Structures are given as structure tokens and as C-alpha cells.
Amino acid sequence: MSSTSANRLTPLLPPASDRDRPLLAVATILIFLVCLSAFGAVGAWRAATGWVDQLASEITVQVLPGEGRDVDADTAEAATAIARLPGVLHAQVHTRAQAERLLRPWLGSIDLPEDLPVPRLIAVGIDPASPPVPGAVETLLADAPYSVFVDSHERWEDEVRRAANAVQYSALGLVVLLTLAAGAVITSAARASLVALWDVAEALHLVGASDRYITGLFQKRFFFLGLKAGLAGAIAAAFAALGLSQAGASAGGLFFVPTLEPGWSVLAIPPAAALVSAVISALAARSSISAELKARWP
């Protein structure tokens, strides 16, 4: 290979050095935070949607203990009758132990006396497209020798829907704010790195390179710098999210400890975040070098 060919393969801009580390570090950290917030936002969005869907597709029937009656047998009988109603998909009986777990936030973890009359619960799944006639469960069990209370969740639905909307849009707003912050800081870091490389741009201009050519060199360089930082931050965030998910699953037995399940859609977040980081870095370099070239050599 001739010396002329070898010179042509030599990059005009110096390779990545200590001057690029601030951009890499800042971009990596911010993309890490953006990805984590995006993972949380997707999981929170799905969870909040699930809250509303669950309320709309289920009602709860309480079977109250009666004097001299076997409340477990009464509950099983009521569940069997309810399951036959049109529009009912299933009627699942909750045991006394399950009912006691629901009381722990108010009564604590103490062992309740065996003779304490704890109501039994029946979770009734209904078909949202063809629900039972309003009052059908009450009418069905009106002549039963035990008392029941039917909660259709209507009084909770508006509150839960508002809470779900607040969770969803707060998570989305956090992602947007962090993305804007990442864009601003990456732009600033890219411009700082460009200042250190300005002597190269001057040298290229002096030997006759066009402004468009010089701008393209810097844009390509900072695109790959941003891509490298974005990939590092996104991969770190993916491992952190996996660790948090495993920790949440391990704590699933604790009351009110949520385990978010974002689904397969989160697989698109890391590559998208890395690409956004690369594009922001390239655009920042392009705008900065173009403005500086026009200011110095109009």
C-alpha cells in the first residue's frame, strides 16, 4: 500500500481522548436515568391501566357470618349460585386466611381469635361486554338464610381512575423532563468538546476544506460518541431495572409492595435511547460548528 493511500485512511479528526470523557460521562448518566424513568413509566402505565380494568371486570361479595351457621359452607353455596348467573365468568372464594391478610393494614399482624366473625369474600369476575343485570346478585341471594353485601366497585372506580391517570401522566412527564434535561446537557458537553477541537477545524479551513465538509466530520464524530454513551447508559439501566424487578418479585409477599410488569415493549427503550443520544450529540455538533464557522469565516 502506498504512503498516499495510507494517509488517506488516517482520520482527519483526532481519535477519542480525555477531552471527550465529559461528554461520554454526562451522556451515559443521563441516558441511564432516562431509561430507568422510561422503564418505570411503562410499568406504571400498565399497572394503572390494570387497576381500572380490574375494577370494571370484577365485583366483590361479602358473606357475613351468622350465628349458628357455617360461614365457609354458606360462602361456597353463594359462589356456586353466583357462578350460574348470565354475564358471570367465575366466582372465586377467598379463605379466612386471605380475608385476615386484608385486615392486617388496620389490625396489624397479630393472630385474630378463631371466634372473631370475619366475613368471607367472593371475587366475582364479570364479562365487561355483557355484565349481569344491576342488582342480579342481591336478588339471587335475597332469600338466603345468611346475609351478604355486594360491592360493585362503582364508588371506587372514579377515584381509582383519577389515581391511575395521575400515575400515568406523572410518569410520562418525568420521562419528558429527563429527556429535555439530557438533550440540554449533552448539547452543552458537545459544544465544550468542540471548543477543544477548534484548532483542527481551523487547520482544515486553511487547507481549503468547505464548511459543509468540516461540519460533516464533526457531526459524524459526535454521532458515534453519543451512540457509545447512549448504549452504555441504556445497558446499565437495563441491568438496574432487571435487578429492581427481581427485588420487587422477592418482596412480593409484603403488603403493598408493587411488582411492575412493563412487558416486552420495554425492549425498544434501550436502542431508542441510544439512538436519541447519538442524534442529539450530532445535531449539537452540527449547529455549534456551523454557527462558529459562519461567525469566523462568513
Protein backbone atom coordinates (compact mmCIF):
# COMPACT_ATOMS: atom_id res chain seq x y z
CA MET A 1 0.00 0.00 0.00
CA SER A 2 1.43 3.40 -0.97
CA SER A 3 2.06 6.17 1.52
CA THR A 4 -0.60 8.28 -0.24
CA SER A 5 -3.25 5.60 0.36
CA ALA A 6 -2.19 5.25 3.99
CA ASN A 7 -2.52 8.99 4.52
CA ARG A 8 -5.99 8.95 3.06
CA LEU A 9 -7.04 6.37 5.65
CA THR A 10 -5.74 8.48 8.54
CA PRO A 11 -8.68 10.16 10.29
CA LEU A 12 -8.69 13.94 9.96
CA LEU A 13 -10.07 14.40 13.46
CA PRO A 14 -8.02 13.00 16.35
CA PRO A 15 -9.36 9.84 17.96
CA ALA A 16 -11.39 9.98 21.15
CA SER A 17 -9.33 11.27 24.05
CA ASP A 18 -9.61 12.66 27.56
CA ARG A 19 -11.32 15.73 26.09
CA ASP A 20 -14.34 13.62 25.16
CA ARG A 21 -14.74 12.00 28.56
CA PRO A 22 -17.02 14.72 29.99
CA LEU A 23 -19.46 14.23 27.11
CA LEU A 24 -19.33 10.45 27.46
CA ALA A 25 -19.80 10.54 31.24
CA VAL A 26 -22.65 13.08 31.19
CA ALA A 27 -24.48 11.39 28.33
CA THR A 28 -24.10 7.95 29.92
CA ILE A 29 -25.51 9.07 33.26
CA LEU A 30 -28.42 10.97 31.75
CA ILE A 31 -29.38 8.19 29.35
CA PHE A 32 -29.21 5.80 32.29
CA LEU A 33 -31.71 7.98 34.20
CA VAL A 34 -33.94 8.46 31.15
CA CYS A 35 -34.09 4.71 30.52
CA LEU A 36 -34.85 3.94 34.17
CA SER A 37 -37.66 6.50 34.21
CA ALA A 38 -38.98 5.13 30.91
CA PHE A 39 -38.98 1.57 32.30
CA GLY A 40 -40.86 2.81 35.36
CA ALA A 41 -43.27 4.84 33.24
CA VAL A 42 -44.19 1.88 31.05
CA GLY A 43 -44.66 -0.36 34.09
CA ALA A 44 -46.69 2.27 35.93
CA TRP A 45 -48.85 2.89 32.86
CA ARG A 46 -49.63 -0.80 32.51
CA ALA A 47 -50.26 -1.18 36.24
CA ALA A 48 -52.59 1.81 36.35
CA THR A 49 -54.50 0.53 33.34
CA GLY A 50 -54.78 -2.84 35.06
CA TRP A 51 -56.26 -1.22 38.18
CA VAL A 52 -59.10 0.32 36.19
CA ASP A 53 -59.67 -2.79 34.08
CA GLN A 54 -59.80 -4.98 37.19
CA LEU A 55 -62.38 -2.75 38.85
CA ALA A 56 -64.54 -2.78 35.73
CA SER A 57 -64.38 -6.57 35.38
CA GLU A 58 -64.94 -7.68 38.97
CA ILE A 59 -67.32 -7.27 41.89
CA THR A 60 -66.86 -8.41 45.48
CA VAL A 61 -69.46 -10.25 47.55
CA GLN A 62 -69.09 -10.43 51.33
CA VAL A 63 -70.80 -13.30 53.12
CA LEU A 64 -71.38 -12.26 56.73
CA PRO A 65 -71.04 -14.90 59.46
CA GLY A 66 -74.39 -15.77 61.04
CA GLU A 67 -74.99 -17.20 64.49
CA GLY A 68 -75.01 -20.97 64.41
CA ARG A 69 -74.12 -21.15 60.73
CA ASP A 70 -71.07 -22.47 58.88
CA VAL A 71 -69.86 -19.38 57.04
CA ASP A 72 -67.50 -21.37 54.82
CA ALA A 73 -70.34 -23.62 53.63
CA ASP A 74 -72.57 -20.57 53.09
CA THR A 75 -69.83 -18.88 51.06
CA ALA A 76 -69.31 -21.95 48.87
CA GLU A 77 -73.07 -22.19 48.28
CA ALA A 78 -73.30 -18.49 47.37
CA ALA A 79 -70.34 -18.75 44.98
CA THR A 80 -71.90 -21.72 43.21
CA ALA A 81 -75.17 -19.84 42.74
CA ILE A 82 -73.48 -16.64 41.58
CA ALA A 83 -71.34 -18.50 39.04
CA ARG A 84 -74.53 -19.59 37.22
CA LEU A 85 -75.70 -16.00 36.59
CA PRO A 86 -75.54 -14.76 32.98
CA GLY A 87 -72.55 -12.48 32.50
CA VAL A 88 -70.54 -14.01 35.35
CA LEU A 89 -67.25 -15.57 34.29
CA HIS A 90 -66.20 -17.03 37.63
CA ALA A 91 -66.81 -16.78 41.37
CA GLN A 92 -63.68 -17.40 43.45
CA VAL A 93 -64.00 -17.94 47.21
CA HIS A 94 -61.37 -16.36 49.47
CA THR A 95 -60.46 -18.25 52.61
CA ARG A 96 -60.40 -16.85 56.14
CA ALA A 97 -56.60 -16.57 55.94
CA GLN A 98 -56.89 -14.43 52.82
CA ALA A 99 -59.51 -12.24 54.49
CA GLU A 100 -57.26 -11.81 57.53
CA ARG A 101 -54.39 -10.67 55.31
CA LEU A 102 -56.61 -7.87 54.01
CA LEU A 103 -57.24 -6.76 57.60
CA ARG A 104 -53.57 -6.55 58.58
CA PRO A 105 -53.05 -2.91 57.50
CA TRP A 106 -55.69 -1.92 60.08
CA LEU A 107 -55.35 -4.59 62.77
CA GLY A 108 -51.66 -5.38 62.48
CA SER A 109 -50.03 -8.79 62.20
CA ILE A 110 -51.49 -10.16 65.42
CA ASP A 111 -53.26 -13.50 65.34
CA LEU A 112 -57.01 -12.97 65.33
CA PRO A 113 -59.17 -15.06 67.67
CA GLU A 114 -60.77 -18.05 66.00
CA ASP A 115 -64.22 -16.95 67.17
CA LEU A 116 -63.89 -13.49 65.60
CA PRO A 117 -66.60 -13.24 62.90
CA VAL A 118 -64.51 -12.48 59.82
CA PRO A 119 -66.61 -12.12 56.64
CA ARG A 120 -65.72 -14.34 53.70
CA LEU A 121 -65.14 -12.80 50.32
CA ILE A 122 -66.14 -13.95 46.85
CA ALA A 123 -64.32 -12.37 43.89
CA VAL A 124 -66.82 -12.41 41.03
CA GLY A 125 -65.40 -11.95 37.55
CA ILE A 126 -67.87 -10.42 35.12
CA ASP A 127 -67.92 -10.05 31.37
CA PRO A 128 -67.37 -6.31 30.65
CA ALA A 129 -69.07 -6.67 27.29
CA SER A 130 -72.17 -8.34 28.77
CA PRO A 131 -72.28 -7.79 32.56
CA PRO A 132 -75.03 -9.16 34.80
CA VAL A 133 -78.16 -7.08 35.25
CA PRO A 134 -77.66 -4.50 38.04
CA GLY A 135 -78.86 -5.97 41.32
CA ALA A 136 -78.84 -9.53 39.98
CA VAL A 137 -76.60 -10.85 42.77
CA GLU A 138 -78.66 -9.16 45.50
CA THR A 139 -81.90 -10.56 44.02
CA LEU A 140 -80.39 -14.03 43.71
CA LEU A 141 -79.36 -14.16 47.38
CA ALA A 142 -82.25 -12.16 48.83
CA ASP A 143 -83.92 -15.26 50.35
CA ALA A 144 -80.69 -16.90 51.51
CA PRO A 145 -80.51 -17.75 55.25
CA TYR A 146 -77.31 -15.70 55.54
CA SER A 147 -76.52 -12.03 54.91
CA VAL A 148 -74.43 -10.75 52.03
CA PHE A 149 -73.04 -7.39 50.97
CA VAL A 150 -72.31 -6.74 47.29
CA ASP A 151 -69.65 -4.19 46.31
CA SER A 152 -69.78 -3.40 42.61
CA HIS A 153 -66.71 -1.11 42.94
CA GLU A 154 -68.60 1.76 41.32
CA ARG A 155 -67.89 4.04 44.28
CA TRP A 156 -64.16 3.36 43.91
CA GLU A 157 -63.91 3.46 40.14
CA ASP A 158 -63.75 7.25 39.74
CA GLU A 159 -61.13 7.61 42.49
CA VAL A 160 -59.00 4.80 41.10
CA ARG A 161 -59.33 6.17 37.57
CA ARG A 162 -58.13 9.59 38.75
CA ALA A 163 -55.24 7.99 40.65
CA ALA A 164 -54.34 5.91 37.60
CA ASN A 165 -54.35 8.97 35.36
CA ALA A 166 -52.14 10.83 37.85
CA VAL A 167 -49.65 7.94 37.91
CA GLN A 168 -49.62 7.61 34.13
CA TYR A 169 -49.15 11.27 33.26
CA SER A 170 -46.71 11.92 36.11
CA ALA A 171 -44.51 9.08 34.84
CA LEU A 172 -44.76 10.36 31.27
CA GLY A 173 -43.95 13.90 32.40
CA LEU A 174 -40.88 12.67 34.27
CA VAL A 175 -39.59 10.94 31.14
CA VAL A 176 -40.14 14.10 29.06
CA LEU A 177 -38.38 16.33 31.62
CA LEU A 178 -35.39 13.99 31.91
CA THR A 179 -35.17 13.73 28.12
CA LEU A 180 -35.14 17.51 27.78
CA ALA A 181 -32.51 17.78 30.51
CA ALA A 182 -30.42 15.11 28.80
CA GLY A 183 -30.67 16.96 25.50
CA ALA A 184 -29.64 20.28 27.03
CA VAL A 185 -26.67 18.87 28.95
CA ILE A 186 -25.46 16.69 26.07
CA THR A 187 -25.63 19.74 23.80
CA SER A 188 -23.56 21.77 26.26
CA ALA A 189 -21.00 18.99 26.68
CA ALA A 190 -20.71 18.54 22.91
CA ARG A 191 -20.07 22.26 22.45
CA ALA A 192 -17.39 22.18 25.16
CA SER A 193 -15.66 19.32 23.36
CA LEU A 194 -15.88 21.22 20.08
CA VAL A 195 -14.01 24.15 21.61
CA ALA A 196 -11.09 21.85 22.36
CA LEU A 197 -11.08 20.65 18.74
CA TRP A 198 -11.46 24.05 17.13
CA ASP A 199 -7.80 24.16 16.07
CA VAL A 200 -8.49 21.15 13.84
CA ALA A 201 -11.40 22.96 12.19
CA GLU A 202 -9.17 25.99 11.56
CA ALA A 203 -6.48 23.83 10.02
CA LEU A 204 -8.99 22.15 7.72
CA HIS A 205 -10.35 25.52 6.67
CA LEU A 206 -6.88 26.82 5.88
CA VAL A 207 -6.17 23.91 3.53
CA GLY A 208 -9.37 24.59 1.59
CA ALA A 209 -11.97 22.28 3.13
CA SER A 210 -15.53 23.57 2.75
CA ASP A 211 -17.69 24.42 5.74
CA ARG A 212 -20.06 21.62 4.80
CA TYR A 213 -17.19 19.10 4.78
CA ILE A 214 -15.86 20.25 8.17
CA THR A 215 -19.36 20.19 9.66
CA GLY A 216 -19.91 16.64 8.39
CA LEU A 217 -16.70 15.43 10.03
CA PHE A 218 -17.67 16.79 13.42
CA GLN A 219 -21.25 15.61 13.10
CA LYS A 220 -20.16 12.04 12.34
CA ARG A 221 -17.66 12.05 15.20
CA PHE A 222 -20.15 13.24 17.79
CA PHE A 223 -22.88 10.95 16.48
CA PHE A 224 -20.75 7.93 17.37
CA LEU A 225 -19.67 9.45 20.68
CA GLY A 226 -23.32 9.96 21.61
CA LEU A 227 -24.19 6.47 20.41
CA LYS A 228 -21.43 4.94 22.52
CA ALA A 229 -22.55 6.85 25.61
CA GLY A 230 -26.20 6.07 24.95
CA LEU A 231 -25.54 2.35 24.62
CA ALA A 232 -23.54 2.33 27.85
CA GLY A 233 -26.26 4.16 29.76
CA ALA A 234 -29.07 2.08 28.27
CA ILE A 235 -27.35 -1.24 29.03
CA ALA A 236 -26.62 -0.13 32.60
CA ALA A 237 -30.25 0.91 33.03
CA ALA A 238 -31.46 -2.43 31.67
CA PHE A 239 -29.40 -4.33 34.24
CA ALA A 240 -30.53 -1.98 37.01
CA ALA A 241 -34.17 -2.41 36.01
CA LEU A 242 -33.74 -6.19 35.94
CA GLY A 243 -32.25 -6.10 39.44
CA LEU A 244 -35.06 -3.90 40.74
CA SER A 245 -37.62 -6.20 39.15
CA GLN A 246 -36.08 -9.23 40.84
CA ALA A 247 -36.01 -7.39 44.17
CA GLY A 248 -39.66 -6.44 43.76
CA ALA A 249 -40.59 -10.03 42.97
CA SER A 250 -38.73 -11.22 46.07
CA ALA A 251 -40.68 -8.72 48.18
CA GLY A 252 -43.98 -9.70 46.58
CA GLY A 253 -45.17 -11.26 49.82
CA LEU A 254 -45.10 -7.91 51.57
CA PHE A 255 -48.35 -5.95 51.52
CA PHE A 256 -48.48 -3.02 49.12
CA VAL A 257 -45.04 -3.70 47.60
CA PRO A 258 -45.72 -3.39 43.84
CA THR A 259 -44.11 -5.52 41.18
CA LEU A 260 -44.28 -3.64 37.89
CA GLU A 261 -44.53 -5.75 34.75
CA PRO A 262 -43.79 -3.46 31.81
CA GLY A 263 -43.98 -6.26 29.22
CA TRP A 264 -41.99 -6.83 26.06
CA SER A 265 -42.47 -3.24 24.88
CA VAL A 266 -39.55 -2.12 27.08
CA LEU A 267 -37.12 -3.90 24.74
CA ALA A 268 -37.44 -0.93 22.38
CA ILE A 269 -36.37 1.59 25.05
CA PRO A 270 -32.57 0.95 25.21
CA PRO A 271 -31.88 1.12 21.45
CA ALA A 272 -34.23 4.10 21.09
CA ALA A 273 -32.49 5.93 23.94
CA ALA A 274 -29.05 5.23 22.45
CA LEU A 275 -30.19 6.50 19.05
CA VAL A 276 -31.70 9.64 20.58
CA SER A 277 -28.42 10.31 22.42
CA ALA A 278 -26.48 9.93 19.16
CA VAL A 279 -28.82 12.21 17.22
CA ILE A 280 -28.78 14.91 19.92
CA SER A 281 -24.97 14.84 20.03
CA ALA A 282 -24.72 15.02 16.23
CA LEU A 283 -27.21 17.88 15.97
CA ALA A 284 -25.46 19.76 18.78
CA ALA A 285 -22.13 19.38 16.99
CA ARG A 286 -23.62 20.41 13.65
CA SER A 287 -25.31 23.53 14.97
CA SER A 288 -22.29 24.60 17.00
CA ILE A 289 -19.67 24.13 14.30
CA SER A 290 -21.91 25.66 11.61
CA ALA A 291 -22.57 28.76 13.70
CA GLU A 292 -18.90 29.14 14.60
CA LEU A 293 -17.72 28.70 11.01
CA LYS A 294 -20.18 31.32 9.76
CA ALA A 295 -19.15 33.72 12.51
CA ARG A 296 -15.42 33.39 11.84
CA TRP A 297 -15.42 32.99 8.08
CA PRO A 298 -18.65 34.44 6.67
